[in-house]
Each structure stands twice: as C-alpha cells, then as structure tokens.
C-alpha cells in the first residue's frame, strides 16, 4: 500500500510500466524497490518476533505467489476470491484504467482490499497495461531508472514553492 502512494509510488511505478504483464513482471522493479520492501518487511516481522526461518519461508512463498498473480492467466478462485489473490484479481490492478488505479493492491490476501475499501473484484476488464497515464516510460531503461529521482525532485520543488 505504501508503494502506491506518496514517495513510494515513483519507485513502484516502474513495476507498473510493464505493458505486457506476465510472470516476469514480478522482477520488473526499480533497483530501490527491493531495498525498501525488504527493510520494511524485515523490520516489521522482526519487531513482531517471527523466527528467521519463518520469515525466509514466507518471503519465498511470497515471491512464488507474486509470479503466479502476474501470469497471463484468466483465472480467479471462485468463492475463495476474497481469501487468496488470483491472476485475474491482481492483473486488474495493472490495467492503465482510471477506474482500477490503486485497487486490488493485495498480492496474496485480498481481505486487506476488502477491509480498506480498495477491492475491485475479479471482473474481466479490457484495457492497456502499463502506467502511461502517469507518464511512466514503458521501455527506456535509463528513463525508468531515473523516473523516481525526477518525480521526487518535482515533489520537493513543489513543496519548496508552497513554503516560499
């Protein structure tokens, strides 16, 4: 959720720039994203007292499930859609369609989307994938790498203008 708002979005937008969402989309991330995500996750799970082997197992399951939900499969889980994320549930989240921006955020447990009001269901929707509406480049590696830094600079400049 933090990666879809504020200063987290420019880093995560690289993941959303993929116009051909598939299992490899899991690995399409800015170099900074794994650092942010892992530090936050390890801090939270460590603070909660989870043993290291449980955390490692959970991370492995998470990566595998993340690959699954990004696969180009028109699958949902029927009556269990609220319990575990399916490719149809999560791929809807990757559409570059205003109606589903920042919806179906869960990678594994859609119950969070239901609780936070971001559930968009598993209906079939058509549209382009990517983040072109947000201005994120689709394929230029250098531009993708620079994107978060440019967006953060714009945000800081905007904040400085407001304070001045």
Protein backbone atom coordinates (compact mmCIF):
# COMPACT_ATOMS: atom_id res chain seq x y z
CA UNK A 1 0.00 0.00 0.00
CA UNK A 2 2.83 2.41 0.80
CA UNK A 3 4.32 1.81 -2.64
CA UNK A 4 1.13 3.04 -4.33
CA UNK A 5 1.04 6.47 -2.70
CA UNK A 6 3.29 9.42 -1.96
CA UNK A 7 7.05 8.93 -2.17
CA UNK A 8 6.72 5.17 -2.65
CA UNK A 9 4.83 5.41 -5.95
CA UNK A 10 7.70 6.73 -8.14
CA UNK A 11 9.77 3.65 -7.24
CA UNK A 12 6.89 1.19 -7.66
CA UNK A 13 5.66 2.84 -10.88
CA UNK A 14 8.46 1.03 -12.70
CA UNK A 15 6.76 -2.27 -11.90
CA UNK A 16 3.51 -0.86 -13.30
CA UNK A 17 5.17 0.35 -16.50
CA UNK A 18 5.11 -3.17 -17.98
CA UNK A 19 2.72 -3.20 -20.94
CA UNK A 20 2.82 -7.00 -21.20
CA UNK A 21 2.04 -8.21 -17.67
CA UNK A 22 3.22 -11.79 -17.11
CA UNK A 23 5.14 -13.84 -14.54
CA UNK A 24 8.32 -11.90 -15.27
CA UNK A 25 6.60 -8.64 -14.29
CA UNK A 26 7.38 -9.68 -10.72
CA UNK A 27 11.05 -8.93 -11.43
CA UNK A 28 10.39 -5.66 -13.27
CA UNK A 29 11.15 -3.31 -10.41
CA UNK A 30 13.39 -0.34 -9.78
CA UNK A 31 16.65 -1.23 -8.04
CA UNK A 32 15.49 0.65 -4.93
CA UNK A 33 12.19 -1.20 -4.52
CA UNK A 34 13.55 -4.49 -3.10
CA UNK A 35 15.54 -2.50 -0.55
CA UNK A 36 12.52 -0.53 0.62
CA UNK A 37 10.23 -3.54 0.67
CA UNK A 38 12.64 -5.91 2.40
CA UNK A 39 13.75 -3.39 5.02
CA UNK A 40 10.14 -2.61 5.88
CA UNK A 41 9.18 -6.29 5.89
CA UNK A 42 12.18 -7.44 7.93
CA UNK A 43 11.71 -4.63 10.44
CA UNK A 44 8.01 -5.39 10.84
CA UNK A 45 8.38 -9.17 11.04
CA UNK A 46 11.44 -8.90 13.27
CA UNK A 47 9.64 -6.50 15.57
CA UNK A 48 6.74 -8.97 15.73
CA UNK A 49 9.21 -11.66 16.81
CA UNK A 50 8.92 -14.08 13.90
CA UNK A 51 11.85 -16.54 13.72
CA UNK A 52 14.24 -16.05 10.79
CA UNK A 53 13.34 -19.39 9.18
CA UNK A 54 9.63 -18.50 9.21
CA UNK A 55 10.41 -15.11 7.65
CA UNK A 56 12.58 -16.75 4.95
CA UNK A 57 9.87 -19.30 4.15
CA UNK A 58 7.25 -16.57 4.00
CA UNK A 59 9.40 -14.49 1.65
CA UNK A 60 9.90 -17.48 -0.66
CA UNK A 61 6.16 -18.22 -0.75
CA UNK A 62 5.50 -14.54 -1.37
CA UNK A 63 7.84 -14.41 -4.37
CA UNK A 64 6.30 -17.54 -5.90
CA UNK A 65 2.76 -16.26 -5.37
CA UNK A 66 3.77 -12.88 -6.81
CA UNK A 67 4.89 -14.64 -10.00
CA UNK A 68 1.59 -16.53 -10.08
CA UNK A 69 -0.67 -13.46 -9.76
CA UNK A 70 1.15 -11.71 -12.60
CA UNK A 71 0.83 -14.65 -15.03
CA UNK A 72 -1.16 -14.14 -18.20
CA UNK A 73 -3.96 -16.44 -17.00
CA UNK A 74 -7.66 -15.63 -16.87
CA UNK A 75 -8.12 -17.45 -13.57
CA UNK A 76 -9.93 -16.50 -10.43
CA UNK A 77 -10.65 -18.58 -7.34
CA UNK A 78 -14.43 -18.58 -7.39
CA UNK A 79 -15.86 -18.48 -3.87
CA UNK A 80 -12.33 -18.09 -2.47
CA UNK A 81 -11.58 -14.81 -4.33
CA UNK A 82 -11.64 -12.93 -1.02
CA UNK A 83 -9.17 -15.37 0.55
CA UNK A 84 -6.30 -15.65 -1.90
CA UNK A 85 -5.31 -13.41 -4.81
CA UNK A 86 -5.65 -14.83 -8.30
CA UNK A 87 -4.15 -13.68 -11.60
CA UNK A 88 -7.45 -12.10 -12.67
CA UNK A 89 -7.72 -10.25 -9.35
CA UNK A 90 -4.21 -8.80 -9.45
CA UNK A 91 -3.84 -8.24 -13.20
CA UNK A 92 -6.89 -5.96 -12.99
CA UNK A 93 -4.71 -3.80 -10.73
CA UNK A 94 -2.17 -3.42 -13.56
CA UNK A 95 -4.63 -2.04 -16.11
CA UNK A 96 -3.92 1.56 -17.09
CA UNK A 97 -7.58 2.36 -16.46
CA UNK A 98 -8.59 5.11 -14.05
CA UNK A 99 -11.40 3.05 -12.50
CA UNK A 100 -8.97 0.47 -11.10
CA UNK A 101 -5.95 2.63 -10.26
CA UNK A 102 -4.90 1.84 -6.70
CA UNK A 103 -7.39 -1.03 -6.42
CA UNK A 104 -6.78 -4.77 -5.79
CA UNK A 105 -3.44 -4.00 -4.18
CA UNK A 106 -3.05 -7.33 -2.39
CA UNK A 107 -0.51 -9.79 -3.73
CA UNK A 108 -1.71 -12.63 -1.53
CA UNK A 109 -4.63 -11.76 0.79
CA UNK A 110 -7.48 -9.80 -0.86
CA UNK A 111 -9.20 -9.50 2.51
CA UNK A 112 -6.98 -6.42 3.03
CA UNK A 113 -8.55 -4.78 -0.03
CA UNK A 114 -12.00 -5.58 1.29
CA UNK A 115 -11.11 -4.10 4.70
CA UNK A 116 -9.54 -0.92 3.25
CA UNK A 117 -12.14 -0.34 0.53
CA UNK A 118 -9.77 -0.98 -2.37
CA UNK A 119 -11.44 -4.21 -3.54
CA UNK A 120 -12.40 -4.10 -7.23
CA UNK A 121 -13.36 -7.76 -7.52
CA UNK A 122 -12.28 -10.13 -10.27
CA UNK A 123 -14.46 -8.98 -13.16
CA UNK A 124 -12.95 -9.19 -16.62
CA UNK A 125 -11.91 -5.74 -17.84
CA UNK A 126 -10.26 -4.77 -21.08
CA UNK A 127 -7.65 -2.09 -21.46
CA UNK A 128 -3.97 -1.46 -21.88
CA UNK A 129 -1.48 -2.43 -19.22
CA UNK A 130 1.23 -0.06 -18.07
CA UNK A 131 1.45 3.33 -16.41
CA UNK A 132 1.38 5.62 -19.45
CA UNK A 133 -1.41 7.72 -17.90
CA UNK A 134 1.01 8.58 -15.08
CA UNK A 135 3.71 9.46 -17.62
CA UNK A 136 5.92 6.49 -16.78
CA UNK A 137 8.05 5.38 -19.75
CA UNK A 138 7.40 1.80 -20.90
CA UNK A 139 10.73 0.56 -22.22
CA UNK A 140 13.58 3.08 -21.89
CA UNK A 141 15.82 1.58 -19.20
CA UNK A 142 17.66 4.83 -18.44
CA UNK A 143 14.40 6.80 -18.17
CA UNK A 144 12.88 4.10 -15.98
CA UNK A 145 15.89 4.16 -13.67
CA UNK A 146 15.77 7.96 -13.40
CA UNK A 147 11.98 8.18 -13.02
CA UNK A 148 11.78 8.07 -9.18
CA UNK A 149 14.54 10.65 -8.77
CA UNK A 150 12.83 13.03 -11.20
CA UNK A 151 9.46 12.59 -9.51
CA UNK A 152 10.95 13.16 -6.05
CA UNK A 153 12.75 16.28 -7.33
CA UNK A 154 9.44 17.60 -8.73
CA UNK A 155 7.69 16.91 -5.41
CA UNK A 156 10.43 18.68 -3.44
CA UNK A 157 10.38 21.67 -5.79
CA UNK A 158 6.60 21.88 -5.47
CA UNK A 159 6.82 21.74 -1.69
CA UNK A 160 9.56 24.42 -1.68
CA UNK A 161 7.38 26.71 -3.84
CA UNK A 162 4.50 26.29 -1.39
CA UNK A 163 6.73 27.15 1.56
CA UNK A 164 8.22 30.19 -0.16
